[in-house]
Amino acid sequence: MGCLMNILWLLLGGIFTAIEYLIASLLMMFTIIGIPFGIQTLKLAGLALWPFGKEVRSGARSGGCLYILMNILWIFFGGIWICLSHLAFGAILCITIIGIPFGLQHFKLAALALTPFGKDIVES
């Protein structure tokens, strides 16, 4: 069932979201300072490409000072807007019963988009 849902996700806009994250990631990686942020955007692209059957978990290293600092910088430099856009799409999709599974995937992306440093994507 998860494979079918992932295919529907791709056809209904997931591929475009993943491509946008991939392009943003490549643009961020042009500078040395942007490389860690580009890696986190690649993480978002991977989850946006195939979200069903995956779970976002805090890693053992997520409480470190560097990860907290990088998450704060991420939030101030655009992470909050990415999170809010996924929350809005999730709320819109959850209006209908058919859209609820897709809305939940946007909520999963919103949680990762708010603080991606120190988070791991694992198979559930």
C-alpha atoms as a PDB file:
ATOM      1  CA  MET A   1       0.000   0.000   0.000  1.00  0.00           C
ATOM      2  CA  GLY A   2       2.885   2.351   0.797  1.00  0.00           C
ATOM      3  CA  CYS A   3       4.362   1.936  -2.681  1.00  0.00           C
ATOM      4  CA  LEU A   4       1.055   2.861  -4.311  1.00  0.00           C
ATOM      5  CA  MET A   5       0.735   5.912  -2.061  1.00  0.00           C
ATOM      6  CA  ASN A   6       4.290   6.984  -2.920  1.00  0.00           C
ATOM      7  CA  ILE A   7       3.529   6.705  -6.635  1.00  0.00           C
ATOM      8  CA  LEU A   8       0.393   8.820  -6.175  1.00  0.00           C
ATOM      9  CA  TRP A   9       2.446  11.299  -4.125  1.00  0.00           C
ATOM     10  CA  LEU A  10       4.967  11.588  -6.971  1.00  0.00           C
ATOM     11  CA  LEU A  11       2.308  12.073  -9.619  1.00  0.00           C
ATOM     12  CA  LEU A  12       0.374  14.658  -7.603  1.00  0.00           C
ATOM     13  CA  GLY A  13       3.276  16.990  -6.906  1.00  0.00           C
ATOM     14  CA  GLY A  14       5.927  15.192  -4.882  1.00  0.00           C
ATOM     15  CA  ILE A  15       8.332  15.108  -7.805  1.00  0.00           C
ATOM     16  CA  PHE A  16       8.136  18.883  -8.183  1.00  0.00           C
ATOM     17  CA  THR A  17       8.764  19.421  -4.476  1.00  0.00           C
ATOM     18  CA  ALA A  18      11.765  17.093  -4.547  1.00  0.00           C
ATOM     19  CA  ILE A  19      13.191  18.828  -7.627  1.00  0.00           C
ATOM     20  CA  GLU A  20      12.781  22.238  -5.967  1.00  0.00           C
ATOM     21  CA  TYR A  21      14.652  21.007  -2.885  1.00  0.00           C
ATOM     22  CA  LEU A  22      17.360  19.479  -5.085  1.00  0.00           C
ATOM     23  CA  ILE A  23      17.876  22.733  -7.007  1.00  0.00           C
ATOM     24  CA  ALA A  24      17.974  24.719  -3.749  1.00  0.00           C
ATOM     25  CA  SER A  25      20.484  22.256  -2.350  1.00  0.00           C
ATOM     26  CA  LEU A  26      22.789  22.580  -5.345  1.00  0.00           C
ATOM     27  CA  LEU A  27      22.598  26.367  -5.169  1.00  0.00           C
ATOM     28  CA  MET A  28      23.450  26.342  -1.458  1.00  0.00           C
ATOM     29  CA  MET A  29      26.465  24.116  -2.026  1.00  0.00           C
ATOM     30  CA  PHE A  30      28.231  26.726  -4.173  1.00  0.00           C
ATOM     31  CA  THR A  31      29.747  28.206  -1.010  1.00  0.00           C
ATOM     32  CA  ILE A  32      31.591  26.444   1.779  1.00  0.00           C
ATOM     33  CA  ILE A  33      29.276  27.966   4.371  1.00  0.00           C
ATOM     34  CA  GLY A  34      26.221  26.713   2.475  1.00  0.00           C
ATOM     35  CA  ILE A  35      27.322  23.061   2.268  1.00  0.00           C
ATOM     36  CA  PRO A  36      25.782  21.953   5.609  1.00  0.00           C
ATOM     37  CA  PHE A  37      22.523  23.675   4.681  1.00  0.00           C
ATOM     38  CA  GLY A  38      22.598  22.075   1.236  1.00  0.00           C
ATOM     39  CA  ILE A  39      23.008  18.651   2.826  1.00  0.00           C
ATOM     40  CA  GLN A  40      19.933  19.246   4.981  1.00  0.00           C
ATOM     41  CA  THR A  41      17.986  20.353   1.916  1.00  0.00           C
ATOM     42  CA  LEU A  42      19.036  17.115   0.208  1.00  0.00           C
ATOM     43  CA  LYS A  43      17.569  15.293   3.213  1.00  0.00           C
ATOM     44  CA  LEU A  44      14.294  17.159   2.618  1.00  0.00           C
ATOM     45  CA  ALA A  45      14.437  16.270  -1.090  1.00  0.00           C
ATOM     46  CA  GLY A  46      14.802  12.580  -0.291  1.00  0.00           C
ATOM     47  CA  LEU A  47      11.834  12.640   2.055  1.00  0.00           C
ATOM     48  CA  ALA A  48       9.767  14.702  -0.391  1.00  0.00           C
ATOM     49  CA  LEU A  49      10.472  12.155  -3.122  1.00  0.00           C
ATOM     50  CA  TRP A  50       9.302   9.023  -1.271  1.00  0.00           C
ATOM     51  CA  PRO A  51       7.686   9.924   2.113  1.00  0.00           C
ATOM     52  CA  PHE A  52       5.376   6.989   2.828  1.00  0.00           C
ATOM     53  CA  GLY A  53       7.042   4.308   4.926  1.00  0.00           C
ATOM     54  CA  LYS A  54       9.654   6.685   6.338  1.00  0.00           C
ATOM     55  CA  GLU A  55       9.903   8.286   9.736  1.00  0.00           C
ATOM     56  CA  VAL A  56      11.863  11.277  11.025  1.00  0.00           C
ATOM     57  CA  ARG A  57      13.697  10.679  14.309  1.00  0.00           C
ATOM     58  CA  SER A  58      16.059  12.727  16.406  1.00  0.00           C
ATOM     59  CA  GLY A  59      19.527  11.272  16.322  1.00  0.00           C
ATOM     60  CA  ALA A  60      21.732  10.743  19.349  1.00  0.00           C
ATOM     61  CA  ARG A  61      23.725  13.810  18.359  1.00  0.00           C
ATOM     62  CA  SER A  62      20.729  16.150  17.998  1.00  0.00           C
ATOM     63  CA  GLY A  63      21.291  17.867  21.362  1.00  0.00           C
ATOM     64  CA  GLY A  64      24.793  19.064  20.550  1.00  0.00           C
ATOM     65  CA  CYS A  65      25.689  22.750  20.610  1.00  0.00           C
ATOM     66  CA  LEU A  66      26.606  22.845  16.912  1.00  0.00           C
ATOM     67  CA  TYR A  67      23.324  21.260  15.839  1.00  0.00           C
ATOM     68  CA  ILE A  68      21.327  23.660  17.985  1.00  0.00           C
ATOM     69  CA  LEU A  69      23.196  26.648  16.531  1.00  0.00           C
ATOM     70  CA  MET A  70      22.758  25.379  12.972  1.00  0.00           C
ATOM     71  CA  ASN A  71      19.031  24.773  13.542  1.00  0.00           C
ATOM     72  CA  ILE A  72      18.630  28.340  14.844  1.00  0.00           C
ATOM     73  CA  LEU A  73      20.418  29.700  11.760  1.00  0.00           C
ATOM     74  CA  TRP A  74      18.273  27.440   9.557  1.00  0.00           C
ATOM     75  CA  ILE A  75      15.058  28.773  11.126  1.00  0.00           C
ATOM     76  CA  PHE A  76      16.094  32.410  10.710  1.00  0.00           C
ATOM     77  CA  PHE A  77      17.286  32.006   7.123  1.00  0.00           C
ATOM     78  CA  GLY A  78      14.170  30.398   5.702  1.00  0.00           C
ATOM     79  CA  GLY A  79      13.362  27.197   7.566  1.00  0.00           C
ATOM     80  CA  ILE A  80      10.326  28.755   9.204  1.00  0.00           C
ATOM     81  CA  TRP A  81       8.821  29.601   5.800  1.00  0.00           C
ATOM     82  CA  ILE A  82       9.417  26.095   4.476  1.00  0.00           C
ATOM     83  CA  CYS A  83       7.788  24.679   7.601  1.00  0.00           C
ATOM     84  CA  LEU A  84       4.793  27.017   7.332  1.00  0.00           C
ATOM     85  CA  SER A  85       4.256  26.147   3.665  1.00  0.00           C
ATOM     86  CA  HIS A  86       4.182  22.415   4.468  1.00  0.00           C
ATOM     87  CA  LEU A  87       1.813  23.077   7.374  1.00  0.00           C
ATOM     88  CA  ALA A  88      -0.508  25.027   5.075  1.00  0.00           C
ATOM     89  CA  PHE A  89      -0.481  22.293   2.405  1.00  0.00           C
ATOM     90  CA  GLY A  90      -1.046  19.658   5.095  1.00  0.00           C
ATOM     91  CA  ALA A  91      -4.026  21.546   6.532  1.00  0.00           C
ATOM     92  CA  ILE A  92      -5.559  22.024   3.080  1.00  0.00           C
ATOM     93  CA  LEU A  93      -5.129  18.347   2.204  1.00  0.00           C
ATOM     94  CA  CYS A  94      -6.602  17.186   5.531  1.00  0.00           C
ATOM     95  CA  ILE A  95      -9.920  18.860   4.711  1.00  0.00           C
ATOM     96  CA  THR A  96     -10.985  15.802   2.733  1.00  0.00           C
ATOM     97  CA  ILE A  97     -10.791  12.212   3.898  1.00  0.00           C
ATOM     98  CA  ILE A  98      -8.881  11.171   0.782  1.00  0.00           C
ATOM     99  CA  GLY A  99      -6.280  13.888   1.345  1.00  0.00           C
ATOM    100  CA  ILE A 100      -5.511  13.002   4.978  1.00  0.00           C
ATOM    101  CA  PRO A 101      -2.625  10.575   4.255  1.00  0.00           C
ATOM    102  CA  PHE A 102      -1.017  13.151   1.981  1.00  0.00           C
ATOM    103  CA  GLY A 103      -1.569  15.923   4.515  1.00  0.00           C
ATOM    104  CA  LEU A 104       0.160  13.822   7.160  1.00  0.00           C
ATOM    105  CA  GLN A 105       3.190  13.513   4.890  1.00  0.00           C
ATOM    106  CA  HIS A 106       3.319  17.305   4.610  1.00  0.00           C
ATOM    107  CA  PHE A 107       3.210  17.515   8.416  1.00  0.00           C
ATOM    108  CA  LYS A 108       6.157  15.098   8.510  1.00  0.00           C
ATOM    109  CA  LEU A 109       8.030  17.337   6.061  1.00  0.00           C
ATOM    110  CA  ALA A 110       7.126  20.404   8.152  1.00  0.00           C
ATOM    111  CA  ALA A 111       8.667  18.873  11.261  1.00  0.00           C
ATOM    112  CA  LEU A 112      11.864  18.100   9.373  1.00  0.00           C
ATOM    113  CA  ALA A 113      11.898  21.507   7.668  1.00  0.00           C
ATOM    114  CA  LEU A 114      11.776  23.355  10.985  1.00  0.00           C
ATOM    115  CA  THR A 115      14.866  21.741  12.539  1.00  0.00           C
ATOM    116  CA  PRO A 116      16.660  19.369  10.132  1.00  0.00           C
ATOM    117  CA  PHE A 117      20.071  19.250  11.816  1.00  0.00           C
ATOM    118  CA  GLY A 118      20.428  16.165  14.007  1.00  0.00           C
ATOM    119  CA  LYS A 119      17.406  14.406  12.489  1.00  0.00           C
ATOM    120  CA  ASP A 120      17.566  11.073  10.721  1.00  0.00           C
ATOM    121  CA  ILE A 121      15.150   9.589   8.194  1.00  0.00           C
ATOM    122  CA  VAL A 122      14.560   5.894   8.827  1.00  0.00           C
ATOM    123  CA  GLU A 123      12.308   3.240   7.347  1.00  0.00           C
ATOM    124  CA  SER A 124       9.257   2.632   9.533  1.00  0.00           C
END
